[in-house]
Amino acid sequence: MGLTLLFDYGYKDRGAAKLLGLKPFAEVPQSELMQTNRRSWQSFDEMSHAAEQGDAAAQCYFGICYQTGQGVAQDYQEAVRWFRRAADQNDAAAQCYLGFCYQSGLGVPQEYGQAAKWFREAADQGDPAAQFNLGVLYETGQGVPQNYADAVKWYHAAAEQGEPQAQFNLGVFYETGQVVPQNFEEAVKWYRLSAEQECAPAQCNLGLCYETGRGVPKNVREAVRWFCRAARAGDKTAQHNLGVYYASLEAAEQATAEGEAPTAAEDEAAA
């Protein structure tokens, strides 16, 4: 690749952030695991007992324990059984996890229609992870007819609640002008909200916006700052862009040392 361009202009697409948005059990603080807005538990045994007695929130957390093998032997089918018991009581988190099980084929046969059903149940109750997941199904046409407008609808609902992957996907829609009117400022808004939550593809795209001046004033230093954050998280596009940037700097320094006039791109890289 030549050095006439400072960075690679390839933008991350939505596929880079199609994660489930579900908070892994092992990463949730113990204090958060043992409480809901309805009641709290002081120990695993107390939570287990509450689940057996029909407490939906406890049943959902018990399902997570079986799914992850924390405190019990890992058993996906048993996880599904507990998720279903809670989901049948209209617990939104359990409905979302049950949808995930159907989407991924964990403990049940993979069935996107069932995944969509349970994601919708939770999404209608305002669960942001379920809203994001349902948006992914509409975007990909899995379990529901493909419909980008509905995908944007659900991404927007989840993004408004702070779901970072949904914020990133929404930013791409605004940047490309698909379904929604193209609006670079709006794209930057959603990229930034996602990037500040350490979503690496959003950090990379935000850097590219600063590099190209799309939706923000052109600022190479800001571009590099966001590329560095994304690169540290393992984003390969950001790592490539940084490599091209540093190669441009090296070429500019070499040209200066040899008394040659640097190219316009090299002047910008050194700015």
Protein backbone atom coordinates (compact mmCIF):
# COMPACT_ATOMS: atom_id res chain seq x y z
CA MET A 1 0.00 0.00 0.00
CA GLY A 2 1.38 3.42 -0.92
CA LEU A 3 1.72 6.31 1.44
CA THR A 4 -0.36 8.81 -0.52
CA LEU A 5 -3.22 8.17 1.92
CA LEU A 6 -2.69 8.57 5.61
CA PHE A 7 -5.01 5.79 6.68
CA ASP A 8 -6.95 2.93 5.22
CA TYR A 9 -10.45 4.21 4.49
CA GLY A 10 -12.21 0.89 5.07
CA TYR A 11 -14.88 1.27 7.72
CA LYS A 12 -15.94 -1.46 10.07
CA ASP A 13 -19.32 -2.83 9.13
CA ARG A 14 -22.07 -3.85 11.51
CA GLY A 15 -20.98 -7.47 11.47
CA ALA A 16 -17.96 -6.57 13.53
CA ALA A 17 -20.17 -5.80 16.52
CA LYS A 18 -22.86 -8.41 16.27
CA LEU A 19 -22.26 -9.61 19.79
CA LEU A 20 -25.10 -10.72 21.96
CA GLY A 21 -24.85 -7.89 24.41
CA LEU A 22 -25.48 -10.26 27.32
CA LYS A 23 -23.43 -9.63 30.42
CA PRO A 24 -21.43 -12.79 31.23
CA PHE A 25 -22.19 -14.17 34.67
CA ALA A 26 -18.54 -14.39 35.67
CA GLU A 27 -18.03 -10.67 35.07
CA VAL A 28 -20.95 -9.50 37.18
CA PRO A 29 -19.98 -8.38 40.69
CA GLN A 30 -21.17 -10.73 43.44
CA SER A 31 -23.30 -7.96 44.95
CA GLU A 32 -25.08 -7.52 41.62
CA LEU A 33 -25.59 -11.25 41.17
CA MET A 34 -27.31 -11.68 44.47
CA GLN A 35 -29.89 -8.96 44.17
CA THR A 36 -32.70 -7.68 42.01
CA ASN A 37 -35.23 -4.95 42.48
CA ARG A 38 -37.50 -7.54 44.12
CA ARG A 39 -35.31 -9.24 46.68
CA SER A 40 -31.72 -10.16 47.47
CA TRP A 41 -29.85 -13.31 48.46
CA GLN A 42 -26.95 -13.64 50.83
CA SER A 43 -25.57 -16.90 49.45
CA PHE A 44 -25.71 -19.31 46.54
CA ASP A 45 -27.74 -21.78 48.61
CA GLU A 46 -30.30 -19.10 49.43
CA MET A 47 -30.60 -18.20 45.76
CA SER A 48 -30.96 -21.87 44.84
CA HIS A 49 -33.71 -22.30 47.40
CA ALA A 50 -35.52 -19.22 46.08
CA ALA A 51 -35.36 -20.65 42.58
CA GLU A 52 -36.87 -23.93 43.75
CA GLN A 53 -39.64 -21.96 45.43
CA GLY A 54 -40.53 -20.22 42.17
CA ASP A 55 -38.72 -16.87 42.35
CA ALA A 56 -38.28 -15.90 38.69
CA ALA A 57 -35.17 -13.77 39.17
CA ALA A 58 -33.50 -16.54 41.16
CA GLN A 59 -34.47 -19.05 38.49
CA CYS A 60 -32.86 -16.89 35.83
CA TYR A 61 -29.61 -16.59 37.79
CA PHE A 62 -29.69 -20.32 38.52
CA GLY A 63 -29.96 -20.89 34.77
CA ILE A 64 -26.87 -18.71 34.27
CA CYS A 65 -25.03 -20.82 36.82
CA TYR A 66 -25.79 -23.98 34.83
CA GLN A 67 -24.90 -22.26 31.57
CA THR A 68 -21.49 -21.12 32.85
CA GLY A 69 -20.73 -23.96 35.29
CA GLN A 70 -20.41 -21.61 38.24
CA GLY A 71 -21.32 -23.32 41.49
CA VAL A 72 -22.77 -26.34 39.65
CA ALA A 73 -21.67 -28.68 36.88
CA GLN A 74 -22.15 -27.01 33.50
CA ASP A 75 -25.33 -28.30 31.90
CA TYR A 76 -26.90 -26.39 29.00
CA GLN A 77 -30.14 -28.36 29.07
CA GLU A 78 -30.60 -27.68 32.76
CA ALA A 79 -29.84 -24.01 32.09
CA VAL A 80 -32.62 -23.94 29.50
CA ARG A 81 -35.01 -25.56 31.97
CA TRP A 82 -34.43 -22.81 34.53
CA PHE A 83 -34.50 -20.03 31.95
CA ARG A 84 -37.82 -21.34 30.67
CA ARG A 85 -39.34 -21.49 34.16
CA ALA A 86 -38.42 -17.85 34.71
CA ALA A 87 -39.35 -16.81 31.17
CA ASP A 88 -42.80 -18.32 31.59
CA GLN A 89 -43.20 -15.92 34.53
CA ASN A 90 -42.39 -13.03 32.18
CA ASP A 91 -38.87 -12.41 33.49
CA ALA A 92 -37.28 -10.33 30.72
CA ALA A 93 -33.67 -11.34 31.45
CA ALA A 94 -34.60 -15.03 31.34
CA GLN A 95 -36.50 -14.52 28.10
CA CYS A 96 -33.42 -12.92 26.58
CA TYR A 97 -31.16 -15.75 27.74
CA LEU A 98 -33.63 -18.32 26.46
CA GLY A 99 -33.62 -16.57 23.10
CA PHE A 100 -29.83 -16.74 23.15
CA CYS A 101 -29.98 -20.49 23.79
CA TYR A 102 -32.21 -20.96 20.75
CA GLN A 103 -30.07 -18.63 18.67
CA SER A 104 -26.85 -20.49 19.49
CA GLY A 105 -28.24 -24.02 19.91
CA LEU A 106 -27.13 -24.37 23.53
CA GLY A 107 -29.27 -26.93 25.34
CA VAL A 108 -31.91 -26.86 22.61
CA PRO A 109 -31.88 -27.34 18.84
CA GLN A 110 -30.91 -24.13 17.06
CA GLU A 111 -34.15 -22.40 16.08
CA TYR A 112 -34.08 -18.77 15.03
CA GLY A 113 -37.86 -18.46 15.06
CA GLN A 114 -37.93 -19.38 18.75
CA ALA A 115 -34.99 -17.06 19.38
CA ALA A 116 -36.94 -14.21 17.79
CA LYS A 117 -40.03 -15.06 19.83
CA TRP A 118 -38.22 -14.87 23.15
CA PHE A 119 -36.13 -11.84 22.22
CA ARG A 120 -39.34 -10.05 21.28
CA GLU A 121 -40.99 -10.95 24.59
CA ALA A 122 -38.06 -9.40 26.45
CA ALA A 123 -37.60 -6.49 24.03
CA ASP A 124 -41.22 -5.45 24.47
CA GLN A 125 -40.48 -5.18 28.19
CA GLY A 126 -37.56 -2.86 27.46
CA ASP A 127 -34.63 -5.26 27.87
CA PRO A 128 -31.78 -3.58 25.89
CA ALA A 129 -29.85 -6.80 25.19
CA ALA A 130 -32.98 -8.41 23.77
CA GLN A 131 -33.73 -5.29 21.73
CA PHE A 132 -30.24 -5.43 20.25
CA ASN A 133 -30.47 -9.16 19.54
CA LEU A 134 -33.85 -8.77 17.88
CA GLY A 135 -32.38 -6.00 15.74
CA VAL A 136 -29.62 -8.38 14.63
CA LEU A 137 -32.21 -10.98 13.61
CA TYR A 138 -34.11 -8.41 11.56
CA GLU A 139 -30.90 -7.23 9.92
CA THR A 140 -29.79 -10.75 9.02
CA GLY A 141 -33.25 -12.21 8.29
CA GLN A 142 -32.80 -15.04 10.78
CA GLY A 143 -36.11 -16.19 12.27
CA VAL A 144 -37.91 -13.14 10.91
CA PRO A 145 -38.25 -11.58 7.45
CA GLN A 146 -35.24 -9.38 6.78
CA ASN A 147 -36.23 -5.79 7.48
CA TYR A 148 -33.61 -3.08 7.95
CA ALA A 149 -36.17 -0.56 9.17
CA ASP A 150 -37.15 -2.87 12.02
CA ALA A 151 -33.48 -3.54 12.72
CA VAL A 152 -32.86 0.20 13.08
CA LYS A 153 -35.95 0.53 15.27
CA TRP A 154 -34.69 -2.04 17.74
CA TYR A 155 -31.06 -0.86 17.59
CA HIS A 156 -32.27 2.64 18.40
CA ALA A 157 -34.33 1.41 21.34
CA ALA A 158 -31.33 -0.46 22.75
CA ALA A 159 -28.91 2.38 21.97
CA GLU A 160 -31.04 4.86 23.86
CA GLN A 161 -30.60 2.63 26.91
CA GLY A 162 -26.83 2.64 26.52
CA GLU A 163 -26.23 -0.72 24.78
CA PRO A 164 -22.81 -0.15 23.13
CA GLN A 165 -23.11 -2.67 20.28
CA ALA A 166 -26.47 -1.20 19.29
CA GLN A 167 -24.97 2.29 19.41
CA PHE A 168 -22.22 1.18 17.05
CA ASN A 169 -24.62 -0.48 14.61
CA LEU A 170 -26.86 2.58 14.65
CA GLY A 171 -23.86 4.76 13.89
CA VAL A 172 -23.07 2.68 10.81
CA PHE A 173 -26.64 3.05 9.55
CA TYR A 174 -26.42 6.83 9.90
CA GLU A 175 -23.01 6.97 8.26
CA THR A 176 -24.04 4.87 5.26
CA GLY A 177 -27.50 6.41 4.94
CA GLN A 178 -29.22 3.04 4.82
CA VAL A 179 -32.87 3.24 5.94
CA VAL A 180 -32.19 6.52 7.76
CA PRO A 181 -31.05 9.77 6.11
CA GLN A 182 -27.27 9.93 5.92
CA ASN A 183 -26.07 12.06 8.81
CA PHE A 184 -22.39 12.03 9.71
CA GLU A 185 -22.90 14.08 12.87
CA GLU A 186 -25.45 11.57 14.12
CA ALA A 187 -23.10 8.72 13.22
CA VAL A 188 -20.32 10.33 15.25
CA LYS A 189 -22.68 10.81 18.19
CA TRP A 190 -23.46 7.09 18.37
CA TYR A 191 -19.89 6.00 17.64
CA ARG A 192 -18.66 8.17 20.49
CA LEU A 193 -21.19 6.82 22.98
CA SER A 194 -20.20 3.28 22.02
CA ALA A 195 -16.48 4.03 21.90
CA GLU A 196 -16.54 5.48 25.40
CA GLN A 197 -17.82 2.08 26.55
CA GLU A 198 -14.74 0.44 24.99
CA CYS A 199 -16.41 -0.94 21.86
CA ALA A 200 -13.31 -1.30 19.67
CA PRO A 201 -15.02 -1.16 16.23
CA ALA A 202 -16.73 2.07 17.30
CA GLN A 203 -13.39 3.48 18.43
CA CYS A 204 -11.91 2.60 15.06
CA ASN A 205 -14.77 4.21 13.14
CA LEU A 206 -14.65 7.30 15.32
CA GLY A 207 -10.95 7.58 14.54
CA LEU A 208 -11.73 7.33 10.83
CA CYS A 209 -14.33 10.08 11.17
CA TYR A 210 -11.69 12.34 12.73
CA GLU A 211 -9.19 11.38 10.02
CA THR A 212 -11.59 12.17 7.16
CA GLY A 213 -13.51 15.03 8.79
CA ARG A 214 -16.84 13.23 8.51
CA GLY A 215 -19.20 14.61 11.14
CA VAL A 216 -16.39 16.25 13.12
CA PRO A 217 -13.61 18.72 12.32
CA LYS A 218 -10.65 16.89 10.81
CA ASN A 219 -8.15 16.13 13.56
CA VAL A 220 -5.33 13.66 12.97
CA ARG A 221 -4.25 13.59 16.61
CA GLU A 222 -7.78 12.63 17.72
CA ALA A 223 -7.88 9.99 15.00
CA VAL A 224 -4.65 8.46 16.25
CA ARG A 225 -5.88 8.56 19.85
CA TRP A 226 -8.98 6.54 18.98
CA PHE A 227 -7.04 4.17 16.75
CA CYS A 228 -4.67 3.50 19.65
CA ARG A 229 -7.55 2.66 21.98
CA ALA A 230 -9.08 0.32 19.42
CA ALA A 231 -5.73 -1.23 18.55
CA ARG A 232 -5.01 -2.00 22.20
CA ALA A 233 -8.30 -3.91 22.28
CA GLY A 234 -7.16 -5.99 19.32
CA ASP A 235 -8.99 -4.26 16.47
CA LYS A 236 -7.03 -5.22 13.36
CA THR A 237 -8.26 -2.35 11.18
CA ALA A 238 -7.12 0.17 13.79
CA GLN A 239 -3.78 -1.62 14.09
CA HIS A 240 -3.37 -1.41 10.32
CA ASN A 241 -4.27 2.27 10.27
CA LEU A 242 -1.72 3.00 12.96
CA GLY A 243 0.90 1.08 11.00
CA VAL A 244 0.23 3.20 7.91
CA TYR A 245 0.32 6.37 10.00
CA TYR A 246 3.68 5.56 11.58
CA ALA A 247 5.06 4.49 8.20
CA SER A 248 4.01 7.90 6.85
CA LEU A 249 5.82 9.63 9.71
CA GLU A 250 8.93 7.59 9.07
CA ALA A 251 8.81 8.42 5.36
CA ALA A 252 8.39 12.13 6.16
CA GLU A 253 11.36 12.07 8.53
CA GLN A 254 13.48 10.28 5.96
CA ALA A 255 12.51 12.78 3.26
CA THR A 256 13.40 15.67 5.57
CA ALA A 257 16.75 14.10 6.39
CA GLU A 258 17.51 13.67 2.71
CA GLY A 259 16.43 17.23 1.94
CA GLU A 260 13.41 16.17 -0.12
CA ALA A 261 10.05 17.91 0.01
CA PRO A 262 7.53 15.64 1.75
CA THR A 263 4.26 14.81 0.07
CA ALA A 264 1.02 16.46 1.15
CA ALA A 265 -0.03 13.30 2.97
CA GLU A 266 3.27 13.21 4.84
CA ASP A 267 2.88 16.88 5.80
CA GLU A 268 -0.52 16.04 7.26
CA ALA A 269 0.84 13.01 9.07
CA ALA A 270 3.47 15.12 10.73
CA ALA A 271 0.98 17.84 11.70
